[in-house]
Amino acid sequence: MKKHEIRTLIVIVGFVLVAIATLSWFNKPSPATDLEDDFSNLTWTMAFEELHQTLSTEYAFTDWKSINWDKLHQKYLAEIEKAQLNQDFNAYYLSLRAYLNEIPVDMCG
């Protein structure tokens, strides 16, 4: 490689690194946002309720995917409450995972 080509490559790589650093700085969540989305101090049922509220109001494809949030909530709330009552983390995890798996994420259909 010639000196000119090496210099050009270094300048391009430098610009790319600066652009990446700038974008990552602008995309970092604010501390207030972090606290609003922290459900770790809630009971399992309360955390499920907060998650459901967030997803049902902010999921962009609700109409397109014909998601019935009330039906999903009713289907899994009893399981979450039972898991909490029994302090069965495995049952809680599996119920929460099943709930989330019912939300379609594919963009094709």
PDB file of N, CA and C in Angstrom:
ATOM      1  N   MET A   1       0.826  -1.175   0.000  1.00  0.00           N
ATOM      2  CA  MET A   1       0.000   0.000   0.000  1.00  0.00           C
ATOM      3  C   MET A   1       0.873   1.241   0.000  1.00  0.00           C
ATOM      4  N   LYS A   2       0.398   2.241  -0.693  1.00  0.00           N
ATOM      5  CA  LYS A   2       1.128   3.497  -0.737  1.00  0.00           C
ATOM      6  C   LYS A   2       0.792   4.317   0.503  1.00  0.00           C
ATOM      7  N   LYS A   3       1.688   5.286   0.825  1.00  0.00           N
ATOM      8  CA  LYS A   3       1.489   6.132   1.987  1.00  0.00           C
ATOM      9  C   LYS A   3       0.152   6.871   1.917  1.00  0.00           C
ATOM     10  N   HIS A   4      -0.197   7.325   0.740  1.00  0.00           N
ATOM     11  CA  HIS A   4      -1.455   8.066   0.559  1.00  0.00           C
ATOM     12  C   HIS A   4      -2.655   7.161   0.875  1.00  0.00           C
ATOM     13  N   GLU A   5      -2.625   5.929   0.425  1.00  0.00           N
ATOM     14  CA  GLU A   5      -3.718   4.986   0.673  1.00  0.00           C
ATOM     15  C   GLU A   5      -3.820   4.658   2.156  1.00  0.00           C
ATOM     16  N   ILE A   6      -2.700   4.497   2.822  1.00  0.00           N
ATOM     17  CA  ILE A   6      -2.681   4.196   4.254  1.00  0.00           C
ATOM     18  C   ILE A   6      -3.259   5.368   5.032  1.00  0.00           C
ATOM     19  N   ARG A   7      -2.837   6.589   4.675  1.00  0.00           N
ATOM     20  CA  ARG A   7      -3.346   7.775   5.331  1.00  0.00           C
ATOM     21  C   ARG A   7      -4.870   7.898   5.149  1.00  0.00           C
ATOM     22  N   THR A   8      -5.346   7.654   3.945  1.00  0.00           N
ATOM     23  CA  THR A   8      -6.779   7.706   3.656  1.00  0.00           C
ATOM     24  C   THR A   8      -7.533   6.667   4.484  1.00  0.00           C
ATOM     25  N   LEU A   9      -6.982   5.468   4.565  1.00  0.00           N
ATOM     26  CA  LEU A   9      -7.602   4.401   5.343  1.00  0.00           C
ATOM     27  C   LEU A   9      -7.667   4.775   6.824  1.00  0.00           C
ATOM     28  N   ILE A  10      -6.609   5.351   7.352  1.00  0.00           N
ATOM     29  CA  ILE A  10      -6.577   5.774   8.756  1.00  0.00           C
ATOM     30  C   ILE A  10      -7.622   6.851   9.015  1.00  0.00           C
ATOM     31  N   VAL A  11      -7.752   7.795   8.105  1.00  0.00           N
ATOM     32  CA  VAL A  11      -8.746   8.867   8.252  1.00  0.00           C
ATOM     33  C   VAL A  11     -10.159   8.287   8.229  1.00  0.00           C
ATOM     34  N   ILE A  12     -10.423   7.367   7.319  1.00  0.00           N
ATOM     35  CA  ILE A  12     -11.752   6.753   7.220  1.00  0.00           C
ATOM     36  C   ILE A  12     -12.071   5.969   8.493  1.00  0.00           C
ATOM     37  N   VAL A  13     -11.124   5.176   8.949  1.00  0.00           N
ATOM     38  CA  VAL A  13     -11.326   4.393  10.180  1.00  0.00           C
ATOM     39  C   VAL A  13     -11.556   5.344  11.367  1.00  0.00           C
ATOM     40  N   GLY A  14     -10.813   6.423  11.412  1.00  0.00           N
ATOM     41  CA  GLY A  14     -10.994   7.416  12.481  1.00  0.00           C
ATOM     42  C   GLY A  14     -12.391   8.002  12.469  1.00  0.00           C
ATOM     43  N   PHE A  15     -12.880   8.388  11.283  1.00  0.00           N
ATOM     44  CA  PHE A  15     -14.232   8.930  11.178  1.00  0.00           C
ATOM     45  C   PHE A  15     -15.280   7.907  11.605  1.00  0.00           C
ATOM     46  N   VAL A  16     -15.085   6.664  11.202  1.00  0.00           N
ATOM     47  CA  VAL A  16     -16.031   5.610  11.576  1.00  0.00           C
ATOM     48  C   VAL A  16     -16.056   5.432  13.093  1.00  0.00           C
ATOM     49  N   LEU A  17     -14.892   5.410  13.728  1.00  0.00           N
ATOM     50  CA  LEU A  17     -14.828   5.261  15.181  1.00  0.00           C
ATOM     51  C   LEU A  17     -15.479   6.435  15.902  1.00  0.00           C
ATOM     52  N   VAL A  18     -15.251   7.636  15.409  1.00  0.00           N
ATOM     53  CA  VAL A  18     -15.878   8.814  16.009  1.00  0.00           C
ATOM     54  C   VAL A  18     -17.398   8.744  15.837  1.00  0.00           C
ATOM     55  N   ALA A  19     -17.848   8.331  14.671  1.00  0.00           N
ATOM     56  CA  ALA A  19     -19.292   8.213  14.424  1.00  0.00           C
ATOM     57  C   ALA A  19     -19.921   7.169  15.349  1.00  0.00           C
ATOM     58  N   ILE A  20     -19.268   6.043  15.513  1.00  0.00           N
ATOM     59  CA  ILE A  20     -19.784   4.993  16.402  1.00  0.00           C
ATOM     60  C   ILE A  20     -19.834   5.487  17.842  1.00  0.00           C
ATOM     61  N   ALA A  21     -18.784   6.141  18.284  1.00  0.00           N
ATOM     62  CA  ALA A  21     -18.751   6.657  19.657  1.00  0.00           C
ATOM     63  C   ALA A  21     -19.851   7.697  19.867  1.00  0.00           C
ATOM     64  N   THR A  22     -20.051   8.567  18.892  1.00  0.00           N
ATOM     65  CA  THR A  22     -21.083   9.603  18.998  1.00  0.00           C
ATOM     66  C   THR A  22     -22.469   8.980  19.046  1.00  0.00           C
ATOM     67  N   LEU A  23     -22.741   8.023  18.168  1.00  0.00           N
ATOM     68  CA  LEU A  23     -24.048   7.363  18.154  1.00  0.00           C
ATOM     69  C   LEU A  23     -24.309   6.610  19.443  1.00  0.00           C
ATOM     70  N   SER A  24     -23.308   5.921  19.954  1.00  0.00           N
ATOM     71  CA  SER A  24     -23.509   5.172  21.198  1.00  0.00           C
ATOM     72  C   SER A  24     -23.752   6.132  22.368  1.00  0.00           C
ATOM     73  N   TRP A  25     -23.130   7.290  22.349  1.00  0.00           N
ATOM     74  CA  TRP A  25     -23.341   8.262  23.413  1.00  0.00           C
ATOM     75  C   TRP A  25     -24.770   8.798  23.371  1.00  0.00           C
ATOM     76  N   PHE A  26     -25.279   9.087  22.169  1.00  0.00           N
ATOM     77  CA  PHE A  26     -26.638   9.606  22.043  1.00  0.00           C
ATOM     78  C   PHE A  26     -27.689   8.554  22.339  1.00  0.00           C
ATOM     79  N   ASN A  27     -27.378   7.283  22.153  1.00  0.00           N
ATOM     80  CA  ASN A  27     -28.348   6.216  22.356  1.00  0.00           C
ATOM     81  C   ASN A  27     -28.349   5.634  23.759  1.00  0.00           C
ATOM     82  N   LYS A  28     -27.486   6.106  24.626  1.00  0.00           N
ATOM     83  CA  LYS A  28     -27.473   5.556  25.981  1.00  0.00           C
ATOM     84  C   LYS A  28     -28.719   6.012  26.729  1.00  0.00           C
ATOM     85  N   PRO A  29     -29.343   5.089  27.485  1.00  0.00           N
ATOM     86  CA  PRO A  29     -30.557   5.468  28.214  1.00  0.00           C
ATOM     87  C   PRO A  29     -30.232   6.397  29.367  1.00  0.00           C
ATOM     88  N   SER A  30     -31.166   7.261  29.667  1.00  0.00           N
ATOM     89  CA  SER A  30     -30.975   8.179  30.789  1.00  0.00           C
ATOM     90  C   SER A  30     -31.189   7.422  32.097  1.00  0.00           C
ATOM     91  N   PRO A  31     -30.599   7.874  33.185  1.00  0.00           N
ATOM     92  CA  PRO A  31     -30.795   7.205  34.472  1.00  0.00           C
ATOM     93  C   PRO A  31     -32.264   7.140  34.886  1.00  0.00           C
ATOM     94  N   ALA A  32     -33.054   8.154  34.547  1.00  0.00           N
ATOM     95  CA  ALA A  32     -34.476   8.142  34.890  1.00  0.00           C
ATOM     96  C   ALA A  32     -35.191   7.009  34.174  1.00  0.00           C
ATOM     97  N   THR A  33     -34.848   6.778  32.910  1.00  0.00           N
ATOM     98  CA  THR A  33     -35.451   5.695  32.149  1.00  0.00           C
ATOM     99  C   THR A  33     -35.088   4.355  32.760  1.00  0.00           C
ATOM    100  N   ASP A  34     -33.848   4.202  33.186  1.00  0.00           N
ATOM    101  CA  ASP A  34     -33.422   2.953  33.800  1.00  0.00           C
ATOM    102  C   ASP A  34     -34.261   2.644  35.033  1.00  0.00           C
ATOM    103  N   LEU A  35     -34.527   3.651  35.854  1.00  0.00           N
ATOM    104  CA  LEU A  35     -35.286   3.435  37.078  1.00  0.00           C
ATOM    105  C   LEU A  35     -36.749   3.126  36.787  1.00  0.00           C
ATOM    106  N   GLU A  36     -37.304   3.737  35.763  1.00  0.00           N
ATOM    107  CA  GLU A  36     -38.695   3.492  35.415  1.00  0.00           C
ATOM    108  C   GLU A  36     -38.918   2.062  34.950  1.00  0.00           C
ATOM    109  N   ASP A  37     -37.939   1.469  34.305  1.00  0.00           N
ATOM    110  CA  ASP A  37     -38.067   0.124  33.763  1.00  0.00           C
ATOM    111  C   ASP A  37     -37.509  -0.948  34.688  1.00  0.00           C
ATOM    112  N   ASP A  38     -37.136  -0.592  35.898  1.00  0.00           N
ATOM    113  CA  ASP A  38     -36.584  -1.553  36.837  1.00  0.00           C
ATOM    114  C   ASP A  38     -37.715  -2.128  37.683  1.00  0.00           C
ATOM    115  N   PHE A  39     -38.055  -3.392  37.442  1.00  0.00           N
ATOM    116  CA  PHE A  39     -39.138  -4.050  38.152  1.00  0.00           C
ATOM    117  C   PHE A  39     -38.611  -4.945  39.268  1.00  0.00           C
ATOM    118  N   SER A  40     -37.330  -4.876  39.566  1.00  0.00           N
ATOM    119  CA  SER A  40     -36.715  -5.825  40.500  1.00  0.00           C
ATOM    120  C   SER A  40     -37.211  -5.677  41.941  1.00  0.00           C
ATOM    121  N   ASN A  41     -37.746  -4.535  42.314  1.00  0.00           N
ATOM    122  CA  ASN A  41     -38.249  -4.358  43.676  1.00  0.00           C
ATOM    123  C   ASN A  41     -39.735  -4.689  43.797  1.00  0.00           C
ATOM    124  N   LEU A  42     -40.358  -5.104  42.710  1.00  0.00           N
ATOM    125  CA  LEU A  42     -41.777  -5.439  42.710  1.00  0.00           C
ATOM    126  C   LEU A  42     -41.974  -6.930  42.960  1.00  0.00           C
ATOM    127  N   THR A  43     -43.167  -7.286  43.379  1.00  0.00           N
ATOM    128  CA  THR A  43     -43.492  -8.712  43.465  1.00  0.00           C
ATOM    129  C   THR A  43     -43.555  -9.260  42.046  1.00  0.00           C
ATOM    130  N   TRP A  44     -43.546 -10.563  41.922  1.00  0.00           N
ATOM    131  CA  TRP A  44     -43.596 -11.161  40.585  1.00  0.00           C
ATOM    132  C   TRP A  44     -44.878 -10.762  39.858  1.00  0.00           C
ATOM    133  N   THR A  45     -45.983 -10.751  40.588  1.00  0.00           N
ATOM    134  CA  THR A  45     -47.257 -10.387  39.970  1.00  0.00           C
ATOM    135  C   THR A  45     -47.260  -8.915  39.551  1.00  0.00           C
ATOM    136  N   MET A  46     -46.751  -8.058  40.418  1.00  0.00           N
ATOM    137  CA  MET A  46     -46.693  -6.634  40.076  1.00  0.00           C
ATOM    138  C   MET A  46     -45.758  -6.395  38.889  1.00  0.00           C
ATOM    139  N   ALA A  47     -44.648  -7.104  38.842  1.00  0.00           N
ATOM    140  CA  ALA A  47     -43.718  -6.966  37.714  1.00  0.00           C
ATOM    141  C   ALA A  47     -44.388  -7.423  36.419  1.00  0.00           C
ATOM    142  N   PHE A  48     -45.144  -8.522  36.503  1.00  0.00           N
ATOM    143  CA  PHE A  48     -45.885  -8.993  35.328  1.00  0.00           C
ATOM    144  C   PHE A  48     -46.890  -7.941  34.876  1.00  0.00           C
ATOM    145  N   GLU A  49     -47.605  -7.350  35.832  1.00  0.00           N
ATOM    146  CA  GLU A  49     -48.590  -6.312  35.500  1.00  0.00           C
ATOM    147  C   GLU A  49     -47.923  -5.118  34.819  1.00  0.00           C
ATOM    148  N   GLU A  50     -46.782  -4.683  35.338  1.00  0.00           N
ATOM    149  CA  GLU A  50     -46.051  -3.559  34.738  1.00  0.00           C
ATOM    150  C   GLU A  50     -45.555  -3.907  33.329  1.00  0.00           C
ATOM    151  N   LEU A  51     -45.018  -5.109  33.187  1.00  0.00           N
ATOM    152  CA  LEU A  51     -44.550  -5.553  31.871  1.00  0.00           C
ATOM    153  C   LEU A  51     -45.708  -5.592  30.888  1.00  0.00           C
ATOM    154  N   HIS A  52     -46.814  -6.183  31.314  1.00  0.00           N
ATOM    155  CA  HIS A  52     -47.985  -6.273  30.440  1.00  0.00           C
ATOM    156  C   HIS A  52     -48.475  -4.884  30.042  1.00  0.00           C
ATOM    157  N   GLN A  53     -48.541  -3.981  30.994  1.00  0.00           N
ATOM    158  CA  GLN A  53     -48.984  -2.612  30.699  1.00  0.00           C
ATOM    159  C   GLN A  53     -48.067  -1.950  29.665  1.00  0.00           C
ATOM    160  N   THR A  54     -46.772  -2.114  29.855  1.00  0.00           N
ATOM    161  CA  THR A  54     -45.808  -1.518  28.926  1.00  0.00           C
ATOM    162  C   THR A  54     -45.953  -2.116  27.534  1.00  0.00           C
ATOM    163  N   LEU A  55     -45.989  -3.437  27.447  1.00  0.00           N
ATOM    164  CA  LEU A  55     -46.083  -4.086  26.143  1.00  0.00           C
ATOM    165  C   LEU A  55     -47.406  -3.765  25.452  1.00  0.00           C
ATOM    166  N   SER A  56     -48.492  -3.818  26.193  1.00  0.00           N
ATOM    167  CA  SER A  56     -49.802  -3.624  25.563  1.00  0.00           C
ATOM    168  C   SER A  56     -50.013  -2.191  25.078  1.00  0.00           C
ATOM    169  N   THR A  57     -49.296  -1.248  25.653  1.00  0.00           N
ATOM    170  CA  THR A  57     -49.464   0.139  25.204  1.00  0.00           C
ATOM    171  C   THR A  57     -48.392   0.583  24.217  1.00  0.00           C
ATOM    172  N   GLU A  58     -47.230  -0.072  24.228  1.00  0.00           N
ATOM    173  CA  GLU A  58     -46.130   0.410  23.401  1.00  0.00           C
ATOM    174  C   GLU A  58     -45.745  -0.509  22.236  1.00  0.00           C
ATOM    175  N   TYR A  59     -46.274  -1.727  22.200  1.00  0.00           N
ATOM    176  CA  TYR A  59     -45.920  -2.639  21.105  1.00  0.00           C
ATOM    177  C   TYR A  59     -46.476  -2.095  19.795  1.00  0.00           C
ATOM    178  N   ALA A  60     -45.608  -1.886  18.851  1.00  0.00           N
ATOM    179  CA  ALA A  60     -45.973  -1.177  17.619  1.00  0.00           C
ATOM    180  C   ALA A  60     -46.857  -1.981  16.666  1.00  0.00           C
ATOM    181  N   PHE A  61     -46.875  -3.299  16.794  1.00  0.00           N
ATOM    182  CA  PHE A  61     -47.570  -4.122  15.802  1.00  0.00           C
ATOM    183  C   PHE A  61     -48.852  -4.758  16.342  1.00  0.00           C
ATOM    184  N   THR A  62     -49.423  -4.187  17.392  1.00  0.00           N
ATOM    185  CA  THR A  62     -50.627  -4.763  18.004  1.00  0.00           C
ATOM    186  C   THR A  62     -51.745  -4.952  16.990  1.00  0.00           C
ATOM    187  N   ASP A  63     -52.080  -3.922  16.252  1.00  0.00           N
ATOM    188  CA  ASP A  63     -53.173  -4.024  15.277  1.00  0.00           C
ATOM    189  C   ASP A  63     -52.802  -4.940  14.131  1.00  0.00           C
ATOM    190  N   TRP A  64     -51.605  -4.781  13.617  1.00  0.00           N
ATOM    191  CA  TRP A  64     -51.163  -5.565  12.466  1.00  0.00           C
ATOM    192  C   TRP A  64     -51.147  -7.056  12.789  1.00  0.00           C
ATOM    193  N   LYS A  65     -50.714  -7.400  13.988  1.00  0.00           N
ATOM    194  CA  LYS A  65     -50.612  -8.806  14.399  1.00  0.00           C
ATOM    195  C   LYS A  65     -51.869  -9.295  15.112  1.00  0.00           C
ATOM    196  N   SER A  66     -52.852  -8.432  15.254  1.00  0.00           N
ATOM    197  CA  SER A  66     -54.131  -8.762  15.908  1.00  0.00           C
ATOM    198  C   SER A  66     -53.916  -9.391  17.286  1.00  0.00           C
ATOM    199  N   ILE A  67     -53.169  -8.707  18.121  1.00  0.00           N
ATOM    200  CA  ILE A  67     -52.873  -9.218  19.457  1.00  0.00           C
ATOM    201  C   ILE A  67     -53.986  -8.806  20.413  1.00  0.00           C
ATOM    202  N   ASN A  68     -54.539  -9.780  21.095  1.00  0.00           N
ATOM    203  CA  ASN A  68     -55.564  -9.530  22.104  1.00  0.00           C
ATOM    204  C   ASN A  68     -54.865  -9.517  23.463  1.00  0.00           C
ATOM    205  N   TRP A  69     -54.458  -8.343  23.897  1.00  0.00           N
ATOM    206  CA  TRP A  69     -53.676  -8.213  25.129  1.00  0.00           C
ATOM    207  C   TRP A  69     -54.470  -8.644  26.352  1.00  0.00           C
ATOM    208  N   ASP A  70     -55.767  -8.359  26.365  1.00  0.00           N
ATOM    209  CA  ASP A  70     -56.587  -8.771  27.513  1.00  0.00           C
ATOM    210  C   ASP A  70     -56.616 -10.288  27.648  1.00  0.00           C
ATOM    211  N   LYS A  71     -56.748 -10.975  26.526  1.00  0.00           N
ATOM    212  CA  LYS A  71     -56.774 -12.440  26.538  1.00  0.00           C
ATOM    213  C   LYS A  71     -55.426 -12.989  27.044  1.00  0.00           C
ATOM    214  N   LEU A  72     -54.324 -12.429  26.549  1.00  0.00           N
ATOM    215  CA  LEU A  72     -53.002 -12.874  27.009  1.00  0.00           C
ATOM    216  C   LEU A  72     -52.842 -12.628  28.511  1.00  0.00           C
ATOM    217  N   HIS A  73     -53.275 -11.476  28.967  1.00  0.00           N
ATOM    218  CA  HIS A  73     -53.169 -11.125  30.380  1.00  0.00           C
ATOM    219  C   HIS A  73     -53.940 -12.127  31.236  1.00  0.00           C
ATOM    220  N   GLN A  74     -55.170 -12.378  30.864  1.00  0.00           N
ATOM    221  CA  GLN A  74     -55.997 -13.317  31.626  1.00  0.00           C
ATOM    222  C   GLN A  74     -55.420 -14.728  31.614  1.00  0.00           C
ATOM    223  N   LYS A  75     -54.872 -15.115  30.479  1.00  0.00           N
ATOM    224  CA  LYS A  75     -54.329 -16.474  30.348  1.00  0.00           C
ATOM    225  C   LYS A  75     -53.159 -16.713  31.292  1.00  0.00           C
ATOM    226  N   TYR A  76     -52.304 -15.726  31.480  1.00  0.00           N
ATOM    227  CA  TYR A  76     -51.066 -15.942  32.237  1.00  0.00           C
ATOM    228  C   TYR A  76     -51.077 -15.345  33.647  1.00  0.00           C
ATOM    229  N   LEU A  77     -51.997 -14.460  33.954  1.00  0.00           N
ATOM    230  CA  LEU A  77     -52.016 -13.847  35.281  1.00  0.00           C
ATOM    231  C   LEU A  77     -52.185 -14.899  36.383  1.00  0.00           C
ATOM    232  N   ALA A  78     -53.093 -15.830  36.198  1.00  0.00           N
ATOM    233  CA  ALA A  78     -53.321 -16.867  37.217  1.00  0.00           C
ATOM    234  C   ALA A  78     -52.064 -17.708  37.440  1.00  0.00           C
ATOM    235  N   GLU A  79     -51.370 -18.023  36.364  1.00  0.00           N
ATOM    236  CA  GLU A  79     -50.132 -18.804  36.487  1.00  0.00           C
ATOM    237  C   GLU A  79     -49.060 -18.027  37.253  1.00  0.00           C
ATOM    238  N   ILE A  80     -48.949 -16.747  36.966  1.00  0.00           N
ATOM    239  CA  ILE A  80     -47.965 -15.895  37.642  1.00  0.00           C
ATOM    240  C   ILE A  80     -48.309 -15.787  39.129  1.00  0.00           C
ATOM    241  N   GLU A  81     -49.582 -15.560  39.431  1.00  0.00           N
ATOM    242  CA  GLU A  81     -50.005 -15.458  40.828  1.00  0.00           C
ATOM    243  C   GLU A  81     -49.759 -16.760  41.583  1.00  0.00           C
ATOM    244  N   LYS A  82     -50.037 -17.886  40.951  1.00  0.00           N
ATOM    245  CA  LYS A  82     -49.812 -19.188  41.585  1.00  0.00           C
ATOM    246  C   LYS A  82     -48.325 -19.405  41.850  1.00  0.00           C
ATOM    247  N   ALA A  83     -47.492 -19.061  40.885  1.00  0.00           N
ATOM    248  CA  ALA A  83     -46.048 -19.211  41.053  1.00  0.00           C
ATOM    249  C   ALA A  83     -45.553 -18.349  42.207  1.00  0.00           C
ATOM    250  N   GLN A  84     -46.068 -17.127  42.303  1.00  0.00           N
ATOM    251  CA  GLN A  84     -45.666 -16.247  43.402  1.00  0.00           C
ATOM    252  C   GLN A  84     -46.124 -16.816  44.740  1.00  0.00           C
ATOM    253  N   LEU A  85     -47.354 -17.271  44.796  1.00  0.00           N
ATOM    254  CA  LEU A  85     -47.887 -17.838  46.036  1.00  0.00           C
ATOM    255  C   LEU A  85     -47.038 -19.009  46.522  1.00  0.00           C
ATOM    256  N   ASN A  86     -46.590 -19.834  45.571  1.00  0.00           N
ATOM    257  CA  ASN A  86     -45.779 -21.015  45.913  1.00  0.00           C
ATOM    258  C   ASN A  86     -44.279 -20.717  45.945  1.00  0.00           C
ATOM    259  N   GLN A  87     -43.920 -19.465  45.682  1.00  0.00           N
ATOM    260  CA  GLN A  87     -42.501 -19.083  45.581  1.00  0.00           C
ATOM    261  C   GLN A  87     -41.741 -20.021  44.638  1.00  0.00           C
ATOM    262  N   ASP A  88     -42.383 -20.345  43.516  1.00  0.00           N
ATOM    263  CA  ASP A  88     -41.822 -21.264  42.521  1.00  0.00           C
ATOM    264  C   ASP A  88     -41.268 -20.442  41.359  1.00  0.00           C
ATOM    265  N   PHE A  89     -39.986 -20.095  41.466  1.00  0.00           N
ATOM    266  CA  PHE A  89     -39.380 -19.251  40.440  1.00  0.00           C
ATOM    267  C   PHE A  89     -39.395 -19.923  39.075  1.00  0.00           C
ATOM    268  N   ASN A  90     -39.193 -21.219  39.032  1.00  0.00           N
ATOM    269  CA  ASN A  90     -39.196 -21.929  37.754  1.00  0.00           C
ATOM    270  C   ASN A  90     -40.556 -21.795  37.059  1.00  0.00           C
ATOM    271  N   ALA A  91     -41.637 -21.958  37.817  1.00  0.00           N
ATOM    272  CA  ALA A  91     -42.977 -21.805  37.238  1.00  0.00           C
ATOM    273  C   ALA A  91     -43.207 -20.368  36.782  1.00  0.00           C
ATOM    274  N   TYR A  92     -42.722 -19.405  37.569  1.00  0.00           N
ATOM    275  CA  TYR A  92     -42.840 -17.996  37.185  1.00  0.00           C
ATOM    276  C   TYR A  92     -42.101 -17.741  35.875  1.00  0.00           C
ATOM    277  N   TYR A  93     -40.879 -18.210  35.810  1.00  0.00           N
ATOM    278  CA  TYR A  93     -40.060 -18.021  34.615  1.00  0.00           C
ATOM    279  C   TYR A  93     -40.726 -18.649  33.392  1.00  0.00           C
ATOM    280  N   LEU A  94     -41.201 -19.875  33.535  1.00  0.00           N
ATOM    281  CA  LEU A  94     -41.825 -20.559  32.398  1.00  0.00           C
ATOM    282  C   LEU A  94     -43.116 -19.871  31.960  1.00  0.00           C
ATOM    283  N   SER A  95     -43.895 -19.374  32.915  1.00  0.00           N
ATOM    284  CA  SER A  95     -45.129 -18.653  32.564  1.00  0.00           C
ATOM    285  C   SER A  95     -44.818 -17.343  31.858  1.00  0.00           C
ATOM    286  N   LEU A  96     -43.851 -16.641  32.381  1.00  0.00           N
ATOM    287  CA  LEU A  96     -43.453 -15.370  31.771  1.00  0.00           C
ATOM    288  C   LEU A  96     -42.904 -15.596  30.363  1.00  0.00           C
ATOM    289  N   ARG A  97     -42.103 -16.626  30.228  1.00  0.00           N
ATOM    290  CA  ARG A  97     -41.545 -16.954  28.914  1.00  0.00           C
ATOM    291  C   ARG A  97     -42.642 -17.351  27.927  1.00  0.00           C
ATOM    292  N   ALA A  98     -43.611 -18.152  28.377  1.00  0.00           N
ATOM    293  CA  ALA A  98     -44.719 -18.549  27.508  1.00  0.00           C
ATOM    294  C   ALA A  98     -45.526 -17.326  27.073  1.00  0.00           C
ATOM    295  N   TYR A  99     -45.761 -16.412  28.013  1.00  0.00           N
ATOM    296  CA  TYR A  99     -46.467 -15.159  27.700  1.00  0.00           C
ATOM    297  C   TYR A  99     -45.731 -14.391  26.606  1.00  0.00           C
ATOM    298  N   LEU A 100     -44.441 -14.210  26.791  1.00  0.00           N
ATOM    299  CA  LEU A 100     -43.649 -13.463  25.810  1.00  0.00           C
ATOM    300  C   LEU A 100     -43.582 -14.172  24.464  1.00  0.00           C
ATOM    301  N   ASN A 101     -43.555 -15.490  24.483  1.00  0.00           N
ATOM    302  CA  ASN A 101     -43.497 -16.251  23.225  1.00  0.00           C
ATOM    303  C   ASN A 101     -44.780 -16.146  22.413  1.00  0.00           C
ATOM    304  N   GLU A 102     -45.858 -15.715  23.028  1.00  0.00           N
ATOM    305  CA  GLU A 102     -47.116 -15.551  22.287  1.00  0.00           C
ATOM    306  C   GLU A 102     -47.162 -14.224  21.527  1.00  0.00           C
ATOM    307  N   ILE A 103     -46.214 -13.363  21.774  1.00  0.00           N
ATOM    308  CA  ILE A 103     -46.167 -12.082  21.081  1.00  0.00           C
ATOM    309  C   ILE A 103     -45.375 -12.277  19.790  1.00  0.00           C
ATOM    310  N   PRO A 104     -46.048 -12.161  18.645  1.00  0.00           N
ATOM    311  CA  PRO A 104     -45.345 -12.396  17.382  1.00  0.00           C
ATOM    312  C   PRO A 104     -44.296 -11.333  17.099  1.00  0.00           C
ATOM    313  N   VAL A 105     -43.144 -11.785  16.670  1.00  0.00           N
ATOM    314  CA  VAL A 105     -42.053 -10.844  16.375  1.00  0.00           C
ATOM    315  C   VAL A 105     -41.626 -10.898  14.921  1.00  0.00           C
ATOM    316  N   ASP A 106     -42.073 -11.895  14.169  1.00  0.00           N
ATOM    317  CA  ASP A 106     -41.671 -11.960  12.766  1.00  0.00           C
ATOM    318  C   ASP A 106     -42.327 -10.829  11.992  1.00  0.00           C
ATOM    319  N   MET A 107     -41.619 -10.313  11.041  1.00  0.00           N
ATOM    320  CA  MET A 107     -42.098  -9.166  10.277  1.00  0.00           C
ATOM    321  C   MET A 107     -42.803  -9.588   8.989  1.00  0.00           C
ATOM    322  N   CYS A 108     -42.917 -10.879   8.766  1.00  0.00           N
ATOM    323  CA  CYS A 108     -43.449 -11.352   7.480  1.00  0.00           C
ATOM    324  C   CYS A 108     -44.928 -11.717   7.524  1.00  0.00           C
ATOM    325  N   GLY A 109     -45.472 -12.004   8.689  1.00  0.00           N
ATOM    326  CA  GLY A 109     -46.850 -12.477   8.671  1.00  0.00           C
ATOM    327  C   GLY A 109     -47.642 -12.219   9.832  1.00  0.00           C
TER     328      GLY A 109
END
